[in-house]
Amino acid sequence: MVTIGILTVSDRASLGQYEDKSGPAIEAWLRAAISSPFEAIRTIVPDGVEPVAGALRDLCDTQHADLVLTTGGTGPSPRDLTPEAMQQVLEKELPGFGELMRRISLETVPTAILSRQTAGIRGRTLIVNLPGKPRSIEVCLNAVFPAIPYCLDLIGAGRIETRDPALAYRPGP
């Protein structure tokens, strides 16, 4: 069974001052898209390099997540430090994910250029930074998810099957 970590990065949500809507939105999208069994591990941490890097290390190294999707902390404000945390934990960066998410998001919102989303690999885990708003999460997952199952295959992670074949591109023999 595939394990998917869903990491919400938010000072207010981690303190219970704000309802986390992004983590549940990611899980709902995954449940609708993925046909193979998976376990979702949802975690909320405050903004900051150490809390995010620590949670990513735990999800990758201890929980053995095949895929980790983060939400929040990728903007330009002083507390948005998810990309800096990613730099501390990634072994390989995959900048194409962030490039595509910004490009597709620019079709609906001009502030998409402010996003610093990225993706990369740690061991046998793919980590992808998603935006913090549920509607933006859906737009971005629809754009980048088709590459995720094949990437998981390439790094030796668990195999994901999708309900819609368009969401799991795998090159032919």
N, C-alpha and C. Protein backbone atom coordinates (compact mmCIF):
# COMPACT_ATOMS: atom_id res chain seq x y z
N MET A 1 0.85 -1.19 0.00
CA MET A 1 0.00 0.00 0.00
C MET A 1 0.89 1.24 0.00
N VAL A 2 0.52 2.21 -0.79
CA VAL A 2 1.23 3.47 -0.90
C VAL A 2 0.88 4.35 0.30
N THR A 3 1.89 5.06 0.80
CA THR A 3 1.68 6.02 1.87
C THR A 3 1.89 7.42 1.31
N ILE A 4 0.93 8.30 1.56
CA ILE A 4 1.01 9.68 1.08
C ILE A 4 0.93 10.61 2.27
N GLY A 5 1.96 11.42 2.44
CA GLY A 5 1.97 12.44 3.48
C GLY A 5 1.36 13.72 2.95
N ILE A 6 0.52 14.34 3.76
CA ILE A 6 -0.08 15.63 3.41
C ILE A 6 0.30 16.59 4.54
N LEU A 7 1.17 17.53 4.21
CA LEU A 7 1.73 18.43 5.22
C LEU A 7 1.21 19.85 5.02
N THR A 8 0.40 20.31 5.96
CA THR A 8 -0.09 21.68 5.94
C THR A 8 0.87 22.55 6.74
N VAL A 9 1.32 23.62 6.12
CA VAL A 9 2.26 24.55 6.76
C VAL A 9 1.51 25.84 7.04
N SER A 10 1.23 26.10 8.32
CA SER A 10 0.46 27.29 8.70
C SER A 10 0.60 27.55 10.19
N ASP A 11 1.03 28.74 10.52
CA ASP A 11 1.11 29.13 11.94
C ASP A 11 -0.26 29.03 12.59
N ARG A 12 -1.26 29.66 11.96
CA ARG A 12 -2.60 29.72 12.57
C ARG A 12 -3.27 28.36 12.65
N ALA A 13 -3.16 27.55 11.60
CA ALA A 13 -3.79 26.22 11.63
C ALA A 13 -3.10 25.33 12.66
N SER A 14 -1.79 25.46 12.82
CA SER A 14 -1.07 24.63 13.79
C SER A 14 -1.46 24.97 15.22
N LEU A 15 -1.92 26.21 15.43
CA LEU A 15 -2.36 26.64 16.76
C LEU A 15 -3.86 26.44 16.97
N GLY A 16 -4.56 25.96 15.96
CA GLY A 16 -6.00 25.77 16.06
C GLY A 16 -6.80 27.04 15.91
N GLN A 17 -6.16 28.13 15.46
CA GLN A 17 -6.84 29.41 15.27
C GLN A 17 -7.53 29.51 13.92
N TYR A 18 -7.22 28.56 13.04
CA TYR A 18 -7.72 28.59 11.68
C TYR A 18 -7.96 27.16 11.25
N GLU A 19 -9.11 26.90 10.64
CA GLU A 19 -9.41 25.54 10.18
C GLU A 19 -8.58 25.22 8.94
N ASP A 20 -7.88 24.10 8.99
CA ASP A 20 -7.10 23.65 7.84
C ASP A 20 -8.07 23.16 6.77
N LYS A 21 -8.17 23.89 5.67
CA LYS A 21 -9.01 23.47 4.56
C LYS A 21 -8.17 22.87 3.44
N SER A 22 -6.89 23.19 3.42
CA SER A 22 -6.02 22.74 2.33
C SER A 22 -5.68 21.26 2.44
N GLY A 23 -5.32 20.79 3.62
CA GLY A 23 -5.00 19.37 3.80
C GLY A 23 -6.18 18.48 3.42
N PRO A 24 -7.38 18.77 3.93
CA PRO A 24 -8.54 17.98 3.52
C PRO A 24 -8.84 18.09 2.02
N ALA A 25 -8.58 19.25 1.41
CA ALA A 25 -8.82 19.40 -0.03
C ALA A 25 -7.86 18.50 -0.82
N ILE A 26 -6.62 18.40 -0.38
CA ILE A 26 -5.66 17.52 -1.05
C ILE A 26 -6.12 16.07 -0.92
N GLU A 27 -6.48 15.67 0.30
CA GLU A 27 -6.90 14.28 0.50
C GLU A 27 -8.15 13.95 -0.32
N ALA A 28 -9.09 14.86 -0.39
CA ALA A 28 -10.31 14.62 -1.17
C ALA A 28 -9.97 14.46 -2.66
N TRP A 29 -9.07 15.31 -3.17
CA TRP A 29 -8.67 15.20 -4.57
C TRP A 29 -8.02 13.84 -4.82
N LEU A 30 -7.12 13.44 -3.93
CA LEU A 30 -6.44 12.15 -4.08
C LEU A 30 -7.42 10.99 -4.04
N ARG A 31 -8.37 11.01 -3.12
CA ARG A 31 -9.35 9.93 -3.00
C ARG A 31 -10.20 9.81 -4.26
N ALA A 32 -10.48 10.95 -4.91
CA ALA A 32 -11.26 10.92 -6.14
C ALA A 32 -10.41 10.46 -7.33
N ALA A 33 -9.11 10.72 -7.30
CA ALA A 33 -8.25 10.45 -8.46
C ALA A 33 -7.58 9.08 -8.43
N ILE A 34 -7.22 8.59 -7.26
CA ILE A 34 -6.42 7.37 -7.15
C ILE A 34 -7.32 6.16 -6.94
N SER A 35 -7.10 5.12 -7.74
CA SER A 35 -7.91 3.91 -7.61
C SER A 35 -7.22 2.84 -6.75
N SER A 36 -5.91 2.89 -6.66
CA SER A 36 -5.19 1.90 -5.84
C SER A 36 -5.26 2.30 -4.37
N PRO A 37 -5.14 1.32 -3.46
CA PRO A 37 -5.22 1.65 -2.03
C PRO A 37 -4.04 2.52 -1.58
N PHE A 38 -4.33 3.47 -0.71
CA PHE A 38 -3.27 4.28 -0.12
C PHE A 38 -3.68 4.74 1.27
N GLU A 39 -2.66 5.01 2.05
CA GLU A 39 -2.87 5.57 3.39
C GLU A 39 -2.43 7.02 3.35
N ALA A 40 -3.28 7.91 3.86
CA ALA A 40 -2.94 9.33 3.95
C ALA A 40 -2.55 9.66 5.38
N ILE A 41 -1.42 10.33 5.53
CA ILE A 41 -0.97 10.80 6.84
C ILE A 41 -0.99 12.33 6.78
N ARG A 42 -1.95 12.94 7.51
CA ARG A 42 -2.05 14.40 7.51
C ARG A 42 -1.38 14.98 8.74
N THR A 43 -0.58 16.01 8.50
CA THR A 43 0.17 16.67 9.56
C THR A 43 0.06 18.17 9.36
N ILE A 44 0.02 18.91 10.46
CA ILE A 44 0.03 20.38 10.41
C ILE A 44 1.21 20.87 11.25
N VAL A 45 2.01 21.76 10.66
CA VAL A 45 3.13 22.36 11.38
C VAL A 45 3.11 23.86 11.17
N PRO A 46 3.74 24.61 12.10
CA PRO A 46 3.84 26.05 11.89
C PRO A 46 4.84 26.37 10.78
N ASP A 47 4.73 27.57 10.25
CA ASP A 47 5.71 28.04 9.28
C ASP A 47 7.09 28.06 9.92
N GLY A 48 8.11 28.02 9.09
CA GLY A 48 9.48 28.06 9.57
C GLY A 48 10.29 26.90 9.02
N VAL A 49 11.58 27.12 8.84
CA VAL A 49 12.43 26.12 8.23
C VAL A 49 12.48 24.84 9.07
N GLU A 50 12.75 24.95 10.34
CA GLU A 50 12.93 23.76 11.18
C GLU A 50 11.67 22.91 11.32
N PRO A 51 10.50 23.51 11.62
CA PRO A 51 9.30 22.67 11.72
C PRO A 51 8.98 21.94 10.41
N VAL A 52 9.13 22.64 9.29
CA VAL A 52 8.81 22.02 8.00
C VAL A 52 9.85 20.96 7.64
N ALA A 53 11.13 21.29 7.77
CA ALA A 53 12.18 20.32 7.45
C ALA A 53 12.06 19.08 8.34
N GLY A 54 11.77 19.28 9.63
CA GLY A 54 11.62 18.16 10.55
C GLY A 54 10.45 17.26 10.17
N ALA A 55 9.33 17.88 9.79
CA ALA A 55 8.16 17.10 9.39
C ALA A 55 8.43 16.35 8.08
N LEU A 56 9.13 16.99 7.16
CA LEU A 56 9.46 16.31 5.90
C LEU A 56 10.38 15.12 6.15
N ARG A 57 11.38 15.31 6.99
CA ARG A 57 12.29 14.19 7.32
C ARG A 57 11.51 13.04 7.96
N ASP A 58 10.60 13.37 8.87
CA ASP A 58 9.81 12.34 9.53
C ASP A 58 8.95 11.58 8.52
N LEU A 59 8.26 12.31 7.66
CA LEU A 59 7.39 11.65 6.67
C LEU A 59 8.20 10.78 5.71
N CYS A 60 9.37 11.25 5.31
CA CYS A 60 10.20 10.49 4.35
C CYS A 60 10.95 9.35 5.02
N ASP A 61 11.64 9.65 6.11
CA ASP A 61 12.59 8.70 6.69
C ASP A 61 11.98 7.76 7.73
N THR A 62 10.99 8.23 8.48
CA THR A 62 10.39 7.42 9.53
C THR A 62 9.06 6.80 9.09
N GLN A 63 8.20 7.61 8.49
CA GLN A 63 6.89 7.13 8.04
C GLN A 63 6.98 6.42 6.68
N HIS A 64 8.09 6.60 5.99
CA HIS A 64 8.34 5.97 4.68
C HIS A 64 7.26 6.30 3.65
N ALA A 65 6.87 7.58 3.62
CA ALA A 65 5.89 8.03 2.63
C ALA A 65 6.49 7.89 1.23
N ASP A 66 5.67 7.46 0.30
CA ASP A 66 6.08 7.39 -1.10
C ASP A 66 5.98 8.75 -1.76
N LEU A 67 4.99 9.52 -1.33
CA LEU A 67 4.69 10.84 -1.86
C LEU A 67 4.35 11.75 -0.70
N VAL A 68 4.87 12.97 -0.72
CA VAL A 68 4.49 13.98 0.27
C VAL A 68 4.04 15.21 -0.51
N LEU A 69 2.85 15.68 -0.18
CA LEU A 69 2.31 16.90 -0.76
C LEU A 69 2.21 17.93 0.34
N THR A 70 2.90 19.06 0.17
CA THR A 70 2.82 20.13 1.15
C THR A 70 1.86 21.19 0.63
N THR A 71 1.32 21.95 1.55
CA THR A 71 0.48 23.08 1.19
C THR A 71 0.79 24.24 2.11
N GLY A 72 1.06 25.39 1.51
CA GLY A 72 1.35 26.59 2.28
C GLY A 72 2.84 26.86 2.42
N GLY A 73 3.13 28.12 2.74
CA GLY A 73 4.51 28.52 3.02
C GLY A 73 5.38 28.76 1.80
N THR A 74 4.78 28.95 0.62
CA THR A 74 5.59 29.12 -0.58
C THR A 74 5.56 30.53 -1.15
N GLY A 75 4.92 31.46 -0.46
CA GLY A 75 4.83 32.83 -0.96
C GLY A 75 6.02 33.67 -0.54
N PRO A 76 5.92 34.98 -0.74
CA PRO A 76 7.04 35.87 -0.44
C PRO A 76 7.06 36.47 0.97
N SER A 77 6.05 36.17 1.79
CA SER A 77 6.04 36.80 3.12
C SER A 77 7.17 36.25 3.99
N PRO A 78 7.55 37.00 5.01
CA PRO A 78 8.71 36.59 5.83
C PRO A 78 8.58 35.19 6.45
N ARG A 79 7.38 34.73 6.78
CA ARG A 79 7.20 33.42 7.42
C ARG A 79 7.06 32.28 6.41
N ASP A 80 6.98 32.59 5.12
CA ASP A 80 6.86 31.57 4.08
C ASP A 80 8.24 30.98 3.78
N LEU A 81 8.55 29.85 4.41
CA LEU A 81 9.90 29.27 4.32
C LEU A 81 9.90 27.81 3.89
N THR A 82 8.79 27.35 3.29
CA THR A 82 8.75 25.96 2.83
C THR A 82 9.85 25.67 1.81
N PRO A 83 10.12 26.54 0.82
CA PRO A 83 11.21 26.24 -0.13
C PRO A 83 12.58 26.14 0.55
N GLU A 84 12.79 26.94 1.57
CA GLU A 84 14.07 26.88 2.30
C GLU A 84 14.19 25.56 3.06
N ALA A 85 13.08 25.09 3.62
CA ALA A 85 13.07 23.78 4.29
C ALA A 85 13.33 22.68 3.27
N MET A 86 12.73 22.80 2.10
CA MET A 86 12.95 21.82 1.04
C MET A 86 14.43 21.72 0.68
N GLN A 87 15.11 22.85 0.61
CA GLN A 87 16.54 22.85 0.28
C GLN A 87 17.34 22.02 1.27
N GLN A 88 16.90 21.99 2.52
CA GLN A 88 17.62 21.22 3.55
C GLN A 88 17.38 19.72 3.45
N VAL A 89 16.26 19.28 2.84
CA VAL A 89 15.95 17.86 2.87
C VAL A 89 16.05 17.16 1.51
N LEU A 90 15.99 17.91 0.42
CA LEU A 90 16.01 17.28 -0.90
C LEU A 90 17.38 16.75 -1.28
N GLU A 91 17.38 15.62 -1.96
CA GLU A 91 18.59 15.09 -2.58
C GLU A 91 18.66 15.51 -4.05
N LYS A 92 17.50 15.62 -4.70
CA LYS A 92 17.41 16.07 -6.08
C LYS A 92 16.21 16.99 -6.20
N GLU A 93 16.40 18.15 -6.81
CA GLU A 93 15.28 19.05 -7.06
C GLU A 93 14.69 18.76 -8.44
N LEU A 94 13.38 18.90 -8.54
CA LEU A 94 12.65 18.74 -9.81
C LEU A 94 11.89 20.04 -10.08
N PRO A 95 12.57 21.08 -10.56
CA PRO A 95 11.96 22.40 -10.69
C PRO A 95 10.82 22.48 -11.70
N GLY A 96 10.71 21.50 -12.60
CA GLY A 96 9.62 21.53 -13.58
C GLY A 96 8.24 21.54 -12.95
N PHE A 97 8.10 20.92 -11.79
CA PHE A 97 6.80 20.92 -11.12
C PHE A 97 6.38 22.35 -10.78
N GLY A 98 7.26 23.11 -10.15
CA GLY A 98 6.94 24.49 -9.80
C GLY A 98 6.71 25.36 -11.03
N GLU A 99 7.53 25.14 -12.05
CA GLU A 99 7.37 25.90 -13.29
C GLU A 99 5.98 25.69 -13.88
N LEU A 100 5.55 24.42 -13.95
CA LEU A 100 4.23 24.12 -14.52
C LEU A 100 3.11 24.69 -13.64
N MET A 101 3.24 24.56 -12.32
CA MET A 101 2.18 25.07 -11.44
C MET A 101 2.05 26.59 -11.57
N ARG A 102 3.17 27.30 -11.67
CA ARG A 102 3.09 28.75 -11.84
C ARG A 102 2.46 29.09 -13.20
N ARG A 103 2.87 28.38 -14.26
CA ARG A 103 2.34 28.66 -15.59
C ARG A 103 0.83 28.44 -15.64
N ILE A 104 0.37 27.31 -15.13
CA ILE A 104 -1.06 27.00 -15.18
C ILE A 104 -1.85 27.96 -14.28
N SER A 105 -1.27 28.33 -13.15
CA SER A 105 -1.95 29.25 -12.22
C SER A 105 -2.05 30.65 -12.80
N LEU A 106 -1.08 31.05 -13.61
CA LEU A 106 -1.11 32.37 -14.23
C LEU A 106 -2.31 32.56 -15.15
N GLU A 107 -2.91 31.47 -15.58
CA GLU A 107 -4.09 31.57 -16.44
C GLU A 107 -5.29 32.12 -15.68
N THR A 108 -5.27 32.02 -14.34
CA THR A 108 -6.41 32.49 -13.55
C THR A 108 -6.06 33.59 -12.56
N VAL A 109 -4.80 33.71 -12.16
CA VAL A 109 -4.45 34.72 -11.16
C VAL A 109 -3.05 35.30 -11.46
N PRO A 110 -2.95 36.62 -11.61
CA PRO A 110 -1.67 37.23 -11.96
C PRO A 110 -0.61 37.14 -10.85
N THR A 111 -1.03 36.87 -9.63
CA THR A 111 -0.06 36.78 -8.53
C THR A 111 0.62 35.42 -8.45
N ALA A 112 0.33 34.51 -9.38
CA ALA A 112 0.98 33.19 -9.38
C ALA A 112 2.49 33.31 -9.49
N ILE A 113 2.98 34.39 -10.06
CA ILE A 113 4.43 34.56 -10.20
C ILE A 113 5.11 34.77 -8.85
N LEU A 114 4.34 35.03 -7.82
CA LEU A 114 4.90 35.20 -6.48
C LEU A 114 5.16 33.86 -5.78
N SER A 115 4.65 32.79 -6.34
CA SER A 115 4.80 31.47 -5.72
C SER A 115 6.21 30.93 -5.91
N ARG A 116 6.71 30.23 -4.89
CA ARG A 116 8.06 29.65 -4.92
C ARG A 116 7.98 28.14 -4.79
N GLN A 117 6.91 27.54 -5.30
CA GLN A 117 6.72 26.09 -5.22
C GLN A 117 7.83 25.36 -5.97
N THR A 118 8.16 24.19 -5.44
CA THR A 118 9.13 23.33 -6.10
C THR A 118 8.76 21.88 -5.79
N ALA A 119 9.61 20.98 -6.20
CA ALA A 119 9.43 19.56 -5.90
C ALA A 119 10.80 18.91 -5.92
N GLY A 120 10.86 17.73 -5.37
CA GLY A 120 12.13 17.01 -5.40
C GLY A 120 12.02 15.66 -4.74
N ILE A 121 13.17 15.00 -4.65
CA ILE A 121 13.24 13.63 -4.18
C ILE A 121 14.13 13.55 -2.95
N ARG A 122 13.68 12.78 -1.98
CA ARG A 122 14.49 12.39 -0.82
C ARG A 122 14.34 10.88 -0.70
N GLY A 123 15.43 10.17 -0.95
CA GLY A 123 15.36 8.71 -0.92
C GLY A 123 14.37 8.21 -1.94
N ARG A 124 13.37 7.47 -1.45
CA ARG A 124 12.31 6.95 -2.33
C ARG A 124 11.01 7.71 -2.14
N THR A 125 11.14 8.99 -1.84
CA THR A 125 9.95 9.84 -1.63
C THR A 125 10.00 11.03 -2.58
N LEU A 126 8.88 11.28 -3.25
CA LEU A 126 8.70 12.48 -4.04
C LEU A 126 7.97 13.50 -3.17
N ILE A 127 8.50 14.71 -3.10
CA ILE A 127 7.87 15.80 -2.33
C ILE A 127 7.48 16.89 -3.32
N VAL A 128 6.22 17.33 -3.25
CA VAL A 128 5.72 18.38 -4.13
C VAL A 128 5.07 19.46 -3.28
N ASN A 129 5.48 20.72 -3.50
CA ASN A 129 4.87 21.86 -2.81
C ASN A 129 3.67 22.34 -3.60
N LEU A 130 2.53 22.40 -2.94
CA LEU A 130 1.30 22.91 -3.56
C LEU A 130 0.95 24.25 -2.93
N PRO A 131 0.09 25.03 -3.60
CA PRO A 131 -0.35 26.30 -3.00
C PRO A 131 -1.22 26.05 -1.77
N GLY A 132 -1.60 27.14 -1.11
CA GLY A 132 -2.36 27.03 0.12
C GLY A 132 -3.86 27.12 -0.02
N LYS A 133 -4.36 27.49 -1.18
CA LYS A 133 -5.81 27.64 -1.36
C LYS A 133 -6.38 26.40 -2.04
N PRO A 134 -7.51 25.87 -1.53
CA PRO A 134 -8.09 24.66 -2.10
C PRO A 134 -8.33 24.73 -3.62
N ARG A 135 -8.84 25.83 -4.13
CA ARG A 135 -9.08 25.93 -5.58
C ARG A 135 -7.76 25.87 -6.34
N SER A 136 -6.73 26.53 -5.85
CA SER A 136 -5.42 26.50 -6.49
C SER A 136 -4.79 25.12 -6.41
N ILE A 137 -5.04 24.42 -5.32
CA ILE A 137 -4.54 23.05 -5.16
C ILE A 137 -5.10 22.17 -6.26
N GLU A 138 -6.40 22.27 -6.51
CA GLU A 138 -7.04 21.46 -7.55
C GLU A 138 -6.43 21.76 -8.92
N VAL A 139 -6.28 23.04 -9.24
CA VAL A 139 -5.70 23.44 -10.53
C VAL A 139 -4.29 22.85 -10.68
N CYS A 140 -3.49 22.97 -9.64
CA CYS A 140 -2.11 22.50 -9.70
C CYS A 140 -2.01 20.98 -9.74
N LEU A 141 -2.81 20.30 -8.95
CA LEU A 141 -2.77 18.83 -8.99
C LEU A 141 -3.22 18.31 -10.35
N ASN A 142 -4.24 18.91 -10.94
CA ASN A 142 -4.67 18.49 -12.27
C ASN A 142 -3.54 18.65 -13.28
N ALA A 143 -2.70 19.66 -13.10
CA ALA A 143 -1.61 19.91 -14.04
C ALA A 143 -0.42 18.97 -13.84
N VAL A 144 0.01 18.78 -12.59
CA VAL A 144 1.26 18.04 -12.36
C VAL A 144 1.08 16.56 -12.05
N PHE A 145 -0.10 16.15 -11.62
CA PHE A 145 -0.25 14.77 -11.17
C PHE A 145 0.05 13.73 -12.24
N PRO A 146 -0.23 13.98 -13.52
CA PRO A 146 0.08 12.96 -14.52
C PRO A 146 1.54 12.50 -14.52
N ALA A 147 2.46 13.32 -14.05
CA ALA A 147 3.88 12.93 -13.98
C ALA A 147 4.22 12.19 -12.68
N ILE A 148 3.38 12.27 -11.68
CA ILE A 148 3.71 11.73 -10.37
C ILE A 148 3.79 10.20 -10.35
N PRO A 149 2.81 9.46 -10.86
CA PRO A 149 2.93 7.99 -10.80
C PRO A 149 4.20 7.46 -11.48
N TYR A 150 4.55 8.01 -12.64
CA TYR A 150 5.77 7.56 -13.33
C TYR A 150 7.02 7.94 -12.55
N CYS A 151 7.03 9.13 -11.96
CA CYS A 151 8.16 9.53 -11.12
C CYS A 151 8.32 8.56 -9.96
N LEU A 152 7.22 8.18 -9.33
CA LEU A 152 7.29 7.22 -8.23
C LEU A 152 7.86 5.89 -8.71
N ASP A 153 7.45 5.46 -9.91
CA ASP A 153 8.02 4.24 -10.49
C ASP A 153 9.54 4.37 -10.64
N LEU A 154 9.99 5.50 -11.16
CA LEU A 154 11.41 5.71 -11.44
C LEU A 154 12.28 5.73 -10.18
N ILE A 155 11.73 6.22 -9.07
CA ILE A 155 12.54 6.30 -7.84
C ILE A 155 12.37 5.09 -6.93
N GLY A 156 11.57 4.12 -7.36
CA GLY A 156 11.40 2.90 -6.56
C GLY A 156 10.40 3.04 -5.44
N ALA A 157 9.50 4.01 -5.54
CA ALA A 157 8.45 4.18 -4.54
C ALA A 157 7.27 3.28 -4.90
N GLY A 158 6.21 3.35 -4.10
CA GLY A 158 5.02 2.55 -4.36
C GLY A 158 4.33 2.96 -5.64
N ARG A 159 3.56 2.05 -6.19
CA ARG A 159 2.87 2.28 -7.47
C ARG A 159 1.47 2.84 -7.22
N ILE A 160 1.16 3.88 -7.95
CA ILE A 160 -0.16 4.51 -7.89
C ILE A 160 -0.89 4.26 -9.21
N GLU A 161 -2.13 3.81 -9.09
CA GLU A 161 -3.02 3.68 -10.24
C GLU A 161 -4.13 4.73 -10.09
N THR A 162 -4.56 5.27 -11.21
CA THR A 162 -5.57 6.33 -11.17
C THR A 162 -6.86 5.89 -11.86
N ARG A 163 -7.95 6.53 -11.46
CA ARG A 163 -9.25 6.23 -12.08
C ARG A 163 -9.27 6.71 -13.53
N ASP A 164 -8.66 7.86 -13.79
CA ASP A 164 -8.59 8.43 -15.13
C ASP A 164 -7.18 8.18 -15.66
N PRO A 165 -7.04 7.43 -16.74
CA PRO A 165 -5.71 7.14 -17.28
C PRO A 165 -4.90 8.39 -17.62
N ALA A 166 -5.57 9.50 -17.89
CA ALA A 166 -4.86 10.74 -18.20
C ALA A 166 -4.09 11.28 -16.99
N LEU A 167 -4.42 10.82 -15.79
CA LEU A 167 -3.73 11.28 -14.58
C LEU A 167 -2.51 10.42 -14.23
N ALA A 168 -2.14 9.50 -15.09
CA ALA A 168 -0.97 8.65 -14.81
C ALA A 168 -0.26 8.33 -16.12
N TYR A 169 0.51 9.27 -16.59
CA TYR A 169 1.28 9.04 -17.82
C TYR A 169 2.42 8.08 -17.52
N ARG A 170 2.48 7.05 -18.31
CA ARG A 170 3.62 6.11 -18.26
C ARG A 170 3.98 5.81 -19.71
N PRO A 171 5.23 6.06 -20.10
CA PRO A 171 5.61 5.80 -21.49
C PRO A 171 5.50 4.32 -21.83
N GLY A 172 5.18 4.04 -23.07
CA GLY A 172 5.08 2.66 -23.52
C GLY A 172 6.45 2.00 -23.65
N PRO A 173 6.45 0.69 -23.90
CA PRO A 173 7.72 -0.05 -24.00
C PRO A 173 8.55 0.38 -25.18
